Amino acid sequence: MTDFTEFGRVFTAMVTPMREDGSVDLEQATALATALLENGSDGLVVCGTTGEASTLEFEEERSLFRALLPICRAHGAALVAGTGSNSTRTAIDSSRRAETIGVDGLLLVVPYYNKPSQEGMYRHFRTIAESVTLPCILYNVPSRTGISMSAATQLRLGRDVSNIQGTKEASGDLDLIGAIIDGAPDGFRVWSGNDGDTLPILALGGYGVVSVVSHLAGRQVRAMIDGFLAGRRDEAAAIHRRLQPLTNSLFLEGNPVPVKYALNQVGFRVGPTRLPLVEPGEAARASIDAALANSQIDLPAPV
């Protein structure tokens, strides 16, 4: 089994391009994947929160995995499939199907809406991970799920389940994240799940980021992480500060509404979001436009 750290430190949580009628645009998805992998990303997380997984049909998800896997292979990059669910059985089915397609790893979100106990979370993730052979990372995002997975539960899973190899931490709780890093078993890593927390999490001993802002500034995210790891802390901090206005603008409304708007604005057409998500409001659009005008954009618009 592959060590998840071999997949790299910078993942883009990729949006799902759509046509104006709301259908998935596989051609534009392959173009976007190529551009991201050539502009700082080590790999892609496909069909996660940013990819609008909650409104995709299962076959649409699988068509995305099939279409993007050759792009990742051609770039020596990893494709991580978002196959989590608040139904353990559904997550197992999705994970097994993704493994059959050939993805490299799985991202498993904390069950949302039904709010299980910590023991329920432990059994949920252990059952899913043991149903496949792929490396898995957990995804703790309490702002979306309504409940947070404790450091103790994450560490217990890391110790007890060999293919659970890390966590995408989007809790924003640096005490919790520090406790995970401090107690992590060998091979268990933490990727930041909030762009604004990437540098602080690196300073605590974190490994990398599953990023949204890397759609637009992937080379800068890469430079920030590389600079920090090379001991150029002032340089990394300067990049972090420079990225903050753009990062903040991408979360003025529910992700991925702002980043899809931003990509369309810079000329990389990714289409609309699906209902119930709609285009950003006037104030948000103005703030995003201002951030784009004052930021260095790494992503080239397709010809």
C-alpha atoms as a PDB file:
ATOM      1  CA  MET A   1       0.000   0.000   0.000  1.00  0.00           C
ATOM      2  CA  THR A   2       1.250   3.462  -0.931  1.00  0.00           C
ATOM      3  CA  ASP A   3       2.188   5.897   1.823  1.00  0.00           C
ATOM      4  CA  PHE A   4      -0.102   8.913   1.499  1.00  0.00           C
ATOM      5  CA  THR A   5       2.846  11.250   2.016  1.00  0.00           C
ATOM      6  CA  GLU A   6       4.224  10.058  -1.327  1.00  0.00           C
ATOM      7  CA  PHE A   7       1.298  11.847  -2.960  1.00  0.00           C
ATOM      8  CA  GLY A   8       2.675  15.221  -1.905  1.00  0.00           C
ATOM      9  CA  ARG A   9       1.943  18.243   0.219  1.00  0.00           C
ATOM     10  CA  VAL A  10      -0.225  20.439  -2.017  1.00  0.00           C
ATOM     11  CA  PHE A  11      -3.592  19.096  -3.103  1.00  0.00           C
ATOM     12  CA  THR A  12      -6.214  21.196  -4.812  1.00  0.00           C
ATOM     13  CA  ALA A  13      -9.772  20.469  -3.742  1.00  0.00           C
ATOM     14  CA  MET A  14     -10.971  20.761  -7.315  1.00  0.00           C
ATOM     15  CA  VAL A  15     -14.234  22.345  -8.410  1.00  0.00           C
ATOM     16  CA  THR A  16     -16.479  20.402 -10.756  1.00  0.00           C
ATOM     17  CA  PRO A  17     -16.899  22.347 -14.014  1.00  0.00           C
ATOM     18  CA  MET A  18     -20.461  22.413 -15.281  1.00  0.00           C
ATOM     19  CA  ARG A  19     -22.255  23.572 -18.375  1.00  0.00           C
ATOM     20  CA  GLU A  20     -24.951  26.226 -18.191  1.00  0.00           C
ATOM     21  CA  ASP A  21     -27.602  23.511 -18.047  1.00  0.00           C
ATOM     22  CA  GLY A  22     -25.962  22.100 -14.911  1.00  0.00           C
ATOM     23  CA  SER A  23     -24.481  18.981 -16.503  1.00  0.00           C
ATOM     24  CA  VAL A  24     -20.907  18.009 -15.664  1.00  0.00           C
ATOM     25  CA  ASP A  25     -18.403  19.311 -18.229  1.00  0.00           C
ATOM     26  CA  LEU A  26     -15.781  16.563 -18.449  1.00  0.00           C
ATOM     27  CA  GLU A  27     -13.819  18.332 -21.179  1.00  0.00           C
ATOM     28  CA  GLN A  28     -13.374  21.430 -19.063  1.00  0.00           C
ATOM     29  CA  ALA A  29     -12.655  19.280 -16.012  1.00  0.00           C
ATOM     30  CA  THR A  30      -9.690  17.691 -17.784  1.00  0.00           C
ATOM     31  CA  ALA A  31      -8.446  21.120 -18.875  1.00  0.00           C
ATOM     32  CA  LEU A  32      -8.680  22.436 -15.324  1.00  0.00           C
ATOM     33  CA  ALA A  33      -6.980  19.373 -13.857  1.00  0.00           C
ATOM     34  CA  THR A  34      -4.103  19.774 -16.304  1.00  0.00           C
ATOM     35  CA  ALA A  35      -3.706  23.457 -15.466  1.00  0.00           C
ATOM     36  CA  LEU A  36      -3.740  22.820 -11.720  1.00  0.00           C
ATOM     37  CA  LEU A  37      -1.147  20.052 -11.920  1.00  0.00           C
ATOM     38  CA  GLU A  38       1.102  22.284 -14.024  1.00  0.00           C
ATOM     39  CA  ASN A  39       0.798  25.179 -11.588  1.00  0.00           C
ATOM     40  CA  GLY A  40       1.831  23.926  -8.170  1.00  0.00           C
ATOM     41  CA  SER A  41      -0.453  21.044  -7.199  1.00  0.00           C
ATOM     42  CA  ASP A  42       0.919  17.597  -6.358  1.00  0.00           C
ATOM     43  CA  GLY A  43      -2.500  16.028  -6.664  1.00  0.00           C
ATOM     44  CA  LEU A  44      -6.224  16.589  -6.815  1.00  0.00           C
ATOM     45  CA  VAL A  45      -9.079  15.881  -4.452  1.00  0.00           C
ATOM     46  CA  VAL A  46     -12.060  15.183  -6.694  1.00  0.00           C
ATOM     47  CA  CYS A  47     -15.699  15.163  -5.574  1.00  0.00           C
ATOM     48  CA  GLY A  48     -15.131  16.742  -2.195  1.00  0.00           C
ATOM     49  CA  THR A  49     -16.908  19.757  -0.714  1.00  0.00           C
ATOM     50  CA  THR A  50     -15.427  22.098  -3.317  1.00  0.00           C
ATOM     51  CA  GLY A  51     -16.417  19.647  -6.045  1.00  0.00           C
ATOM     52  CA  GLU A  52     -20.103  19.825  -5.043  1.00  0.00           C
ATOM     53  CA  ALA A  53     -20.195  16.154  -4.134  1.00  0.00           C
ATOM     54  CA  SER A  54     -23.471  16.591  -2.271  1.00  0.00           C
ATOM     55  CA  THR A  55     -25.305  17.380  -5.529  1.00  0.00           C
ATOM     56  CA  LEU A  56     -23.500  14.955  -7.844  1.00  0.00           C
ATOM     57  CA  GLU A  57     -25.001  11.638  -8.868  1.00  0.00           C
ATOM     58  CA  PHE A  58     -22.868   8.584  -8.152  1.00  0.00           C
ATOM     59  CA  GLU A  59     -22.281   7.928 -11.846  1.00  0.00           C
ATOM     60  CA  GLU A  60     -21.218  11.556 -12.362  1.00  0.00           C
ATOM     61  CA  GLU A  61     -18.606  11.117  -9.650  1.00  0.00           C
ATOM     62  CA  ARG A  62     -17.302   7.971 -11.280  1.00  0.00           C
ATOM     63  CA  SER A  63     -17.198   9.620 -14.690  1.00  0.00           C
ATOM     64  CA  LEU A  64     -15.032  12.349 -13.176  1.00  0.00           C
ATOM     65  CA  PHE A  65     -12.667   9.794 -11.636  1.00  0.00           C
ATOM     66  CA  ARG A  66     -12.371   7.975 -14.964  1.00  0.00           C
ATOM     67  CA  ALA A  67     -11.794  11.175 -16.937  1.00  0.00           C
ATOM     68  CA  LEU A  68      -9.244  12.698 -14.568  1.00  0.00           C
ATOM     69  CA  LEU A  69      -7.224   9.617 -13.686  1.00  0.00           C
ATOM     70  CA  PRO A  70      -5.272   9.631 -16.997  1.00  0.00           C
ATOM     71  CA  ILE A  71      -4.484  13.329 -16.496  1.00  0.00           C
ATOM     72  CA  CYS A  72      -3.090  12.612 -13.050  1.00  0.00           C
ATOM     73  CA  ARG A  73      -1.111   9.622 -14.322  1.00  0.00           C
ATOM     74  CA  ALA A  74       0.410  11.704 -17.122  1.00  0.00           C
ATOM     75  CA  HIS A  75       1.621  14.249 -14.553  1.00  0.00           C
ATOM     76  CA  GLY A  76       2.810  11.722 -11.974  1.00  0.00           C
ATOM     77  CA  ALA A  77       0.146  13.073  -9.639  1.00  0.00           C
ATOM     78  CA  ALA A  78      -2.346  11.532  -7.243  1.00  0.00           C
ATOM     79  CA  LEU A  79      -6.116  11.476  -7.570  1.00  0.00           C
ATOM     80  CA  VAL A  80      -7.830  11.346  -4.198  1.00  0.00           C
ATOM     81  CA  ALA A  81     -11.541  10.577  -4.346  1.00  0.00           C
ATOM     82  CA  GLY A  82     -14.014  12.100  -1.943  1.00  0.00           C
ATOM     83  CA  THR A  83     -16.111   9.056  -1.070  1.00  0.00           C
ATOM     84  CA  GLY A  84     -17.275   9.923   2.424  1.00  0.00           C
ATOM     85  CA  SER A  85     -20.916   9.933   3.454  1.00  0.00           C
ATOM     86  CA  ASN A  86     -23.074  10.067   6.561  1.00  0.00           C
ATOM     87  CA  SER A  87     -24.155   6.554   5.600  1.00  0.00           C
ATOM     88  CA  THR A  88     -21.461   3.982   6.304  1.00  0.00           C
ATOM     89  CA  ARG A  89     -22.894   1.585   3.721  1.00  0.00           C
ATOM     90  CA  THR A  90     -22.983   4.279   1.038  1.00  0.00           C
ATOM     91  CA  ALA A  91     -19.405   5.300   1.819  1.00  0.00           C
ATOM     92  CA  ILE A  92     -18.247   1.690   1.555  1.00  0.00           C
ATOM     93  CA  ASP A  93     -19.958   1.270  -1.815  1.00  0.00           C
ATOM     94  CA  SER A  94     -18.530   4.534  -3.163  1.00  0.00           C
ATOM     95  CA  SER A  95     -15.059   3.735  -1.839  1.00  0.00           C
ATOM     96  CA  ARG A  96     -14.998   0.259  -3.364  1.00  0.00           C
ATOM     97  CA  ARG A  97     -16.177   1.559  -6.728  1.00  0.00           C
ATOM     98  CA  ALA A  98     -13.530   4.296  -6.676  1.00  0.00           C
ATOM     99  CA  GLU A  99     -10.865   1.716  -5.839  1.00  0.00           C
ATOM    100  CA  THR A 100     -11.992  -0.417  -8.782  1.00  0.00           C
ATOM    101  CA  ILE A 101     -11.613   2.595 -11.088  1.00  0.00           C
ATOM    102  CA  GLY A 102      -8.027   3.006  -9.887  1.00  0.00           C
ATOM    103  CA  VAL A 103      -7.910   6.154  -7.760  1.00  0.00           C
ATOM    104  CA  ASP A 104      -4.912   6.588  -5.482  1.00  0.00           C
ATOM    105  CA  GLY A 105      -6.544   7.383  -2.161  1.00  0.00           C
ATOM    106  CA  LEU A 106      -9.752   8.329  -0.391  1.00  0.00           C
ATOM    107  CA  LEU A 107     -10.930  11.365   1.565  1.00  0.00           C
ATOM    108  CA  LEU A 108     -13.534  10.442   4.192  1.00  0.00           C
ATOM    109  CA  VAL A 109     -15.580  13.220   5.765  1.00  0.00           C
ATOM    110  CA  VAL A 110     -17.024  13.159   9.285  1.00  0.00           C
ATOM    111  CA  PRO A 111     -20.687  12.085   9.028  1.00  0.00           C
ATOM    112  CA  TYR A 112     -22.896  15.141   8.677  1.00  0.00           C
ATOM    113  CA  TYR A 113     -26.453  15.733   9.895  1.00  0.00           C
ATOM    114  CA  ASN A 114     -26.795  12.544  11.963  1.00  0.00           C
ATOM    115  CA  LYS A 115     -24.045  13.690  14.399  1.00  0.00           C
ATOM    116  CA  PRO A 116     -22.619  10.387  15.669  1.00  0.00           C
ATOM    117  CA  SER A 117     -20.730  10.029  18.922  1.00  0.00           C
ATOM    118  CA  GLN A 118     -16.949   9.727  18.928  1.00  0.00           C
ATOM    119  CA  GLU A 119     -17.339   5.947  19.181  1.00  0.00           C
ATOM    120  CA  GLY A 120     -19.740   6.045  16.243  1.00  0.00           C
ATOM    121  CA  MET A 121     -17.209   8.013  14.203  1.00  0.00           C
ATOM    122  CA  TYR A 122     -14.479   5.537  15.100  1.00  0.00           C
ATOM    123  CA  ARG A 123     -16.520   2.545  13.975  1.00  0.00           C
ATOM    124  CA  HIS A 124     -17.726   4.369  10.844  1.00  0.00           C
ATOM    125  CA  PHE A 125     -14.234   5.215   9.614  1.00  0.00           C
ATOM    126  CA  ARG A 126     -12.707   1.909  10.638  1.00  0.00           C
ATOM    127  CA  THR A 127     -15.417  -0.023   8.798  1.00  0.00           C
ATOM    128  CA  ILE A 128     -14.962   2.009   5.606  1.00  0.00           C
ATOM    129  CA  ALA A 129     -11.166   1.889   5.636  1.00  0.00           C
ATOM    130  CA  GLU A 130     -11.096  -1.858   6.258  1.00  0.00           C
ATOM    131  CA  SER A 131     -13.380  -2.417   3.252  1.00  0.00           C
ATOM    132  CA  VAL A 132     -10.663  -1.203   0.837  1.00  0.00           C
ATOM    133  CA  THR A 133      -6.892  -1.387   0.447  1.00  0.00           C
ATOM    134  CA  LEU A 134      -6.365   2.265  -0.505  1.00  0.00           C
ATOM    135  CA  PRO A 135      -4.744   4.792   1.824  1.00  0.00           C
ATOM    136  CA  CYS A 136      -7.328   7.066   3.436  1.00  0.00           C
ATOM    137  CA  ILE A 137      -7.327  10.442   5.111  1.00  0.00           C
ATOM    138  CA  LEU A 138     -10.002  11.671   7.463  1.00  0.00           C
ATOM    139  CA  TYR A 139     -11.738  15.013   6.963  1.00  0.00           C
ATOM    140  CA  ASN A 140     -12.785  16.984  10.034  1.00  0.00           C
ATOM    141  CA  VAL A 141     -14.859  20.026   9.068  1.00  0.00           C
ATOM    142  CA  PRO A 142     -17.279  20.847  11.897  1.00  0.00           C
ATOM    143  CA  SER A 143     -18.570  23.998  10.197  1.00  0.00           C
ATOM    144  CA  ARG A 144     -20.087  21.667   7.593  1.00  0.00           C
ATOM    145  CA  THR A 145     -20.883  18.555   9.604  1.00  0.00           C
ATOM    146  CA  GLY A 146     -22.178  20.057  12.847  1.00  0.00           C
ATOM    147  CA  ILE A 147     -19.781  18.028  14.984  1.00  0.00           C
ATOM    148  CA  SER A 148     -16.012  17.763  15.436  1.00  0.00           C
ATOM    149  CA  MET A 149     -13.949  14.616  15.618  1.00  0.00           C
ATOM    150  CA  SER A 150     -11.718  14.746  18.665  1.00  0.00           C
ATOM    151  CA  ALA A 151      -7.961  14.433  18.579  1.00  0.00           C
ATOM    152  CA  ALA A 152      -8.282  11.224  20.594  1.00  0.00           C
ATOM    153  CA  THR A 153     -10.582   9.643  18.009  1.00  0.00           C
ATOM    154  CA  GLN A 154      -8.372  10.643  15.101  1.00  0.00           C
ATOM    155  CA  LEU A 155      -5.272   9.294  16.836  1.00  0.00           C
ATOM    156  CA  ARG A 156      -7.046   6.068  17.774  1.00  0.00           C
ATOM    157  CA  LEU A 157      -7.953   5.527  14.123  1.00  0.00           C
ATOM    158  CA  GLY A 158      -4.388   6.297  13.064  1.00  0.00           C
ATOM    159  CA  ARG A 159      -3.037   3.704  15.487  1.00  0.00           C
ATOM    160  CA  ASP A 160      -5.624   0.979  14.882  1.00  0.00           C
ATOM    161  CA  VAL A 161      -6.228   1.129  11.123  1.00  0.00           C
ATOM    162  CA  SER A 162      -3.131   0.809   8.961  1.00  0.00           C
ATOM    163  CA  ASN A 163      -4.531   2.506   5.864  1.00  0.00           C
ATOM    164  CA  ILE A 164      -5.835   5.574   7.707  1.00  0.00           C
ATOM    165  CA  GLN A 165      -2.751   7.686   7.179  1.00  0.00           C
ATOM    166  CA  GLY A 166      -3.733  11.223   8.029  1.00  0.00           C
ATOM    167  CA  THR A 167      -6.348  13.891   8.361  1.00  0.00           C
ATOM    168  CA  LYS A 168      -7.528  16.976   6.549  1.00  0.00           C
ATOM    169  CA  GLU A 169      -8.135  19.315   9.462  1.00  0.00           C
ATOM    170  CA  ALA A 170     -10.588  22.145   8.803  1.00  0.00           C
ATOM    171  CA  SER A 171     -11.727  22.673  12.379  1.00  0.00           C
ATOM    172  CA  GLY A 172      -9.660  25.835  12.793  1.00  0.00           C
ATOM    173  CA  ASP A 173      -8.864  24.593  16.310  1.00  0.00           C
ATOM    174  CA  LEU A 174      -5.094  24.850  16.597  1.00  0.00           C
ATOM    175  CA  ASP A 175      -5.118  23.256  20.060  1.00  0.00           C
ATOM    176  CA  LEU A 176      -6.863  20.174  18.647  1.00  0.00           C
ATOM    177  CA  ILE A 177      -4.572  20.123  15.618  1.00  0.00           C
ATOM    178  CA  GLY A 178      -1.491  20.471  17.797  1.00  0.00           C
ATOM    179  CA  ALA A 179      -2.652  17.547  19.920  1.00  0.00           C
ATOM    180  CA  ILE A 180      -3.057  15.394  16.806  1.00  0.00           C
ATOM    181  CA  ILE A 181       0.419  16.273  15.559  1.00  0.00           C
ATOM    182  CA  ASP A 182       1.942  15.759  19.000  1.00  0.00           C
ATOM    183  CA  GLY A 183       0.416  12.306  19.422  1.00  0.00           C
ATOM    184  CA  ALA A 184       0.478  11.097  15.826  1.00  0.00           C
ATOM    185  CA  PRO A 185       1.716   7.558  15.206  1.00  0.00           C
ATOM    186  CA  ASP A 186       4.417   7.061  12.589  1.00  0.00           C
ATOM    187  CA  GLY A 187       3.130   7.864   9.118  1.00  0.00           C
ATOM    188  CA  PHE A 188       0.043   9.795  10.249  1.00  0.00           C
ATOM    189  CA  ARG A 189       0.090  13.343   8.856  1.00  0.00           C
ATOM    190  CA  VAL A 190      -2.023  16.473   9.034  1.00  0.00           C
ATOM    191  CA  TRP A 191      -3.022  18.466   5.963  1.00  0.00           C
ATOM    192  CA  SER A 192      -4.607  21.852   6.538  1.00  0.00           C
ATOM    193  CA  GLY A 193      -8.190  22.043   5.327  1.00  0.00           C
ATOM    194  CA  ASN A 194      -8.371  25.830   5.636  1.00  0.00           C
ATOM    195  CA  ASP A 195      -6.088  27.917   3.428  1.00  0.00           C
ATOM    196  CA  GLY A 196      -5.716  30.576   6.086  1.00  0.00           C
ATOM    197  CA  ASP A 197      -4.442  27.963   8.561  1.00  0.00           C
ATOM    198  CA  THR A 198      -1.819  26.358   6.328  1.00  0.00           C
ATOM    199  CA  LEU A 199       1.198  28.242   7.625  1.00  0.00           C
ATOM    200  CA  PRO A 200       0.187  27.988  11.312  1.00  0.00           C
ATOM    201  CA  ILE A 201      -0.389  24.247  10.896  1.00  0.00           C
ATOM    202  CA  LEU A 202       2.995  23.843   9.222  1.00  0.00           C
ATOM    203  CA  ALA A 203       4.532  25.663  12.176  1.00  0.00           C
ATOM    204  CA  LEU A 204       2.917  23.104  14.494  1.00  0.00           C
ATOM    205  CA  GLY A 205       4.417  20.263  12.461  1.00  0.00           C
ATOM    206  CA  GLY A 206       1.696  19.733   9.861  1.00  0.00           C
ATOM    207  CA  TYR A 207       2.453  18.258   6.466  1.00  0.00           C
ATOM    208  CA  GLY A 208       0.604  20.196   3.768  1.00  0.00           C
ATOM    209  CA  VAL A 209      -2.723  21.539   2.562  1.00  0.00           C
ATOM    210  CA  VAL A 210      -5.854  20.541   0.694  1.00  0.00           C
ATOM    211  CA  SER A 211      -6.388  23.942  -0.839  1.00  0.00           C
ATOM    212  CA  VAL A 212      -9.045  26.035  -2.545  1.00  0.00           C
ATOM    213  CA  VAL A 213      -6.962  29.148  -3.233  1.00  0.00           C
ATOM    214  CA  SER A 214      -4.510  26.954  -5.177  1.00  0.00           C
ATOM    215  CA  HIS A 215      -6.994  27.051  -8.053  1.00  0.00           C
ATOM    216  CA  LEU A 216      -5.795  30.611  -8.593  1.00  0.00           C
ATOM    217  CA  ALA A 217      -2.460  30.786  -6.774  1.00  0.00           C
ATOM    218  CA  GLY A 218      -1.049  27.270  -6.798  1.00  0.00           C
ATOM    219  CA  ARG A 219       2.530  28.304  -7.459  1.00  0.00           C
ATOM    220  CA  GLN A 220       2.393  30.721  -4.543  1.00  0.00           C
ATOM    221  CA  VAL A 221       0.968  28.099  -2.181  1.00  0.00           C
ATOM    222  CA  ARG A 222       3.767  25.779  -3.297  1.00  0.00           C
ATOM    223  CA  ALA A 223       6.383  28.505  -2.763  1.00  0.00           C
ATOM    224  CA  MET A 224       5.036  29.235   0.723  1.00  0.00           C
ATOM    225  CA  ILE A 225       5.285  25.601   1.791  1.00  0.00           C
ATOM    226  CA  ASP A 226       8.661  25.039   0.139  1.00  0.00           C
ATOM    227  CA  GLY A 227      10.018  28.226   1.680  1.00  0.00           C
ATOM    228  CA  PHE A 228       8.851  27.238   5.141  1.00  0.00           C
ATOM    229  CA  LEU A 229      10.335  23.750   4.874  1.00  0.00           C
ATOM    230  CA  ALA A 230      13.640  25.196   3.651  1.00  0.00           C
ATOM    231  CA  GLY A 231      13.829  27.465   6.690  1.00  0.00           C
ATOM    232  CA  ARG A 232      12.898  30.658   4.846  1.00  0.00           C
ATOM    233  CA  ARG A 233      10.234  31.539   7.368  1.00  0.00           C
ATOM    234  CA  ASP A 234      10.076  35.249   6.587  1.00  0.00           C
ATOM    235  CA  GLU A 235       9.536  34.484   2.907  1.00  0.00           C
ATOM    236  CA  ALA A 236       6.780  31.985   3.712  1.00  0.00           C
ATOM    237  CA  ALA A 237       5.095  34.440   6.056  1.00  0.00           C
ATOM    238  CA  ALA A 238       5.187  37.165   3.416  1.00  0.00           C
ATOM    239  CA  ILE A 239       3.474  34.873   0.901  1.00  0.00           C
ATOM    240  CA  HIS A 240       0.877  33.919   3.505  1.00  0.00           C
ATOM    241  CA  ARG A 241       0.080  37.574   4.157  1.00  0.00           C
ATOM    242  CA  ARG A 242      -0.040  38.346   0.444  1.00  0.00           C
ATOM    243  CA  LEU A 243      -2.515  35.524  -0.175  1.00  0.00           C
ATOM    244  CA  GLN A 244      -4.840  36.414   2.690  1.00  0.00           C
ATOM    245  CA  PRO A 245      -7.086  38.927   0.866  1.00  0.00           C
ATOM    246  CA  LEU A 246      -7.641  36.478  -1.994  1.00  0.00           C
ATOM    247  CA  THR A 247      -8.134  33.569   0.398  1.00  0.00           C
ATOM    248  CA  ASN A 248     -10.630  35.507   2.490  1.00  0.00           C
ATOM    249  CA  SER A 249     -12.615  36.511  -0.588  1.00  0.00           C
ATOM    250  CA  LEU A 250     -13.088  32.858  -1.535  1.00  0.00           C
ATOM    251  CA  PHE A 251     -15.001  32.163   1.664  1.00  0.00           C
ATOM    252  CA  LEU A 252     -17.336  35.152   1.753  1.00  0.00           C
ATOM    253  CA  GLU A 253     -20.121  32.742   0.842  1.00  0.00           C
ATOM    254  CA  GLY A 254     -20.384  28.977   0.976  1.00  0.00           C
ATOM    255  CA  ASN A 255     -17.600  27.170  -0.867  1.00  0.00           C
ATOM    256  CA  PRO A 256     -17.425  26.629  -3.864  1.00  0.00           C
ATOM    257  CA  VAL A 257     -19.641  29.573  -4.841  1.00  0.00           C
ATOM    258  CA  PRO A 258     -16.877  32.226  -4.641  1.00  0.00           C
ATOM    259  CA  VAL A 259     -14.086  30.172  -6.231  1.00  0.00           C
ATOM    260  CA  LYS A 260     -16.261  29.188  -9.183  1.00  0.00           C
ATOM    261  CA  TYR A 261     -17.154  32.848  -9.682  1.00  0.00           C
ATOM    262  CA  ALA A 262     -13.471  33.800  -9.434  1.00  0.00           C
ATOM    263  CA  LEU A 263     -12.388  31.182 -11.966  1.00  0.00           C
ATOM    264  CA  ASN A 264     -15.032  32.354 -14.408  1.00  0.00           C
ATOM    265  CA  GLN A 265     -13.895  35.946 -13.882  1.00  0.00           C
ATOM    266  CA  VAL A 266     -10.262  35.180 -14.737  1.00  0.00           C
ATOM    267  CA  GLY A 267     -11.335  33.421 -17.916  1.00  0.00           C
ATOM    268  CA  PHE A 268     -11.239  29.783 -16.863  1.00  0.00           C
ATOM    269  CA  ARG A 269     -14.813  28.746 -17.471  1.00  0.00           C
ATOM    270  CA  VAL A 270     -16.138  26.348 -14.857  1.00  0.00           C
ATOM    271  CA  GLY A 271     -19.796  27.266 -15.174  1.00  0.00           C
ATOM    272  CA  PRO A 272     -22.403  27.624 -12.446  1.00  0.00           C
ATOM    273  CA  THR A 273     -22.994  25.822  -9.182  1.00  0.00           C
ATOM    274  CA  ARG A 274     -25.940  23.484  -8.812  1.00  0.00           C
ATOM    275  CA  LEU A 275     -28.952  24.347  -6.719  1.00  0.00           C
ATOM    276  CA  PRO A 276     -29.298  24.971  -3.875  1.00  0.00           C
ATOM    277  CA  LEU A 277     -26.046  26.898  -4.404  1.00  0.00           C
ATOM    278  CA  VAL A 278     -26.427  30.067  -6.472  1.00  0.00           C
ATOM    279  CA  GLU A 279     -24.137  32.828  -7.738  1.00  0.00           C
ATOM    280  CA  PRO A 280     -22.594  35.119  -5.090  1.00  0.00           C
ATOM    281  CA  GLY A 281     -24.412  38.270  -4.066  1.00  0.00           C
ATOM    282  CA  GLU A 282     -23.459  41.736  -5.253  1.00  0.00           C
ATOM    283  CA  ALA A 283     -21.296  42.609  -2.235  1.00  0.00           C
ATOM    284  CA  ALA A 284     -19.397  39.328  -2.422  1.00  0.00           C
ATOM    285  CA  ARG A 285     -18.843  39.725  -6.162  1.00  0.00           C
ATOM    286  CA  ALA A 286     -17.390  43.195  -5.628  1.00  0.00           C
ATOM    287  CA  SER A 287     -15.028  41.922  -2.928  1.00  0.00           C
ATOM    288  CA  ILE A 288     -13.897  38.967  -5.038  1.00  0.00           C
ATOM    289  CA  ASP A 289     -13.332  41.221  -8.052  1.00  0.00           C
ATOM    290  CA  ALA A 290     -11.226  43.578  -5.933  1.00  0.00           C
ATOM    291  CA  ALA A 291      -9.160  40.705  -4.544  1.00  0.00           C
ATOM    292  CA  LEU A 292      -8.560  39.328  -8.032  1.00  0.00           C
ATOM    293  CA  ALA A 293      -7.511  42.735  -9.336  1.00  0.00           C
ATOM    294  CA  ASN A 294      -4.958  43.080  -6.546  1.00  0.00           C
ATOM    295  CA  SER A 295      -3.600  39.525  -6.598  1.00  0.00           C
ATOM    296  CA  GLN A 296      -1.111  37.587  -8.654  1.00  0.00           C
ATOM    297  CA  ILE A 297      -3.050  34.861 -10.489  1.00  0.00           C
ATOM    298  CA  ASP A 298      -1.022  31.778 -11.399  1.00  0.00           C
ATOM    299  CA  LEU A 299      -3.667  29.848 -13.317  1.00  0.00           C
ATOM    300  CA  PRO A 300      -3.514  30.467 -17.066  1.00  0.00           C
ATOM    301  CA  ALA A 301      -6.833  30.927 -18.828  1.00  0.00           C
ATOM    302  CA  PRO A 302      -7.283  28.355 -21.607  1.00  0.00           C
ATOM    303  CA  VAL A 303      -6.790  29.598 -25.152  1.00  0.00           C
END
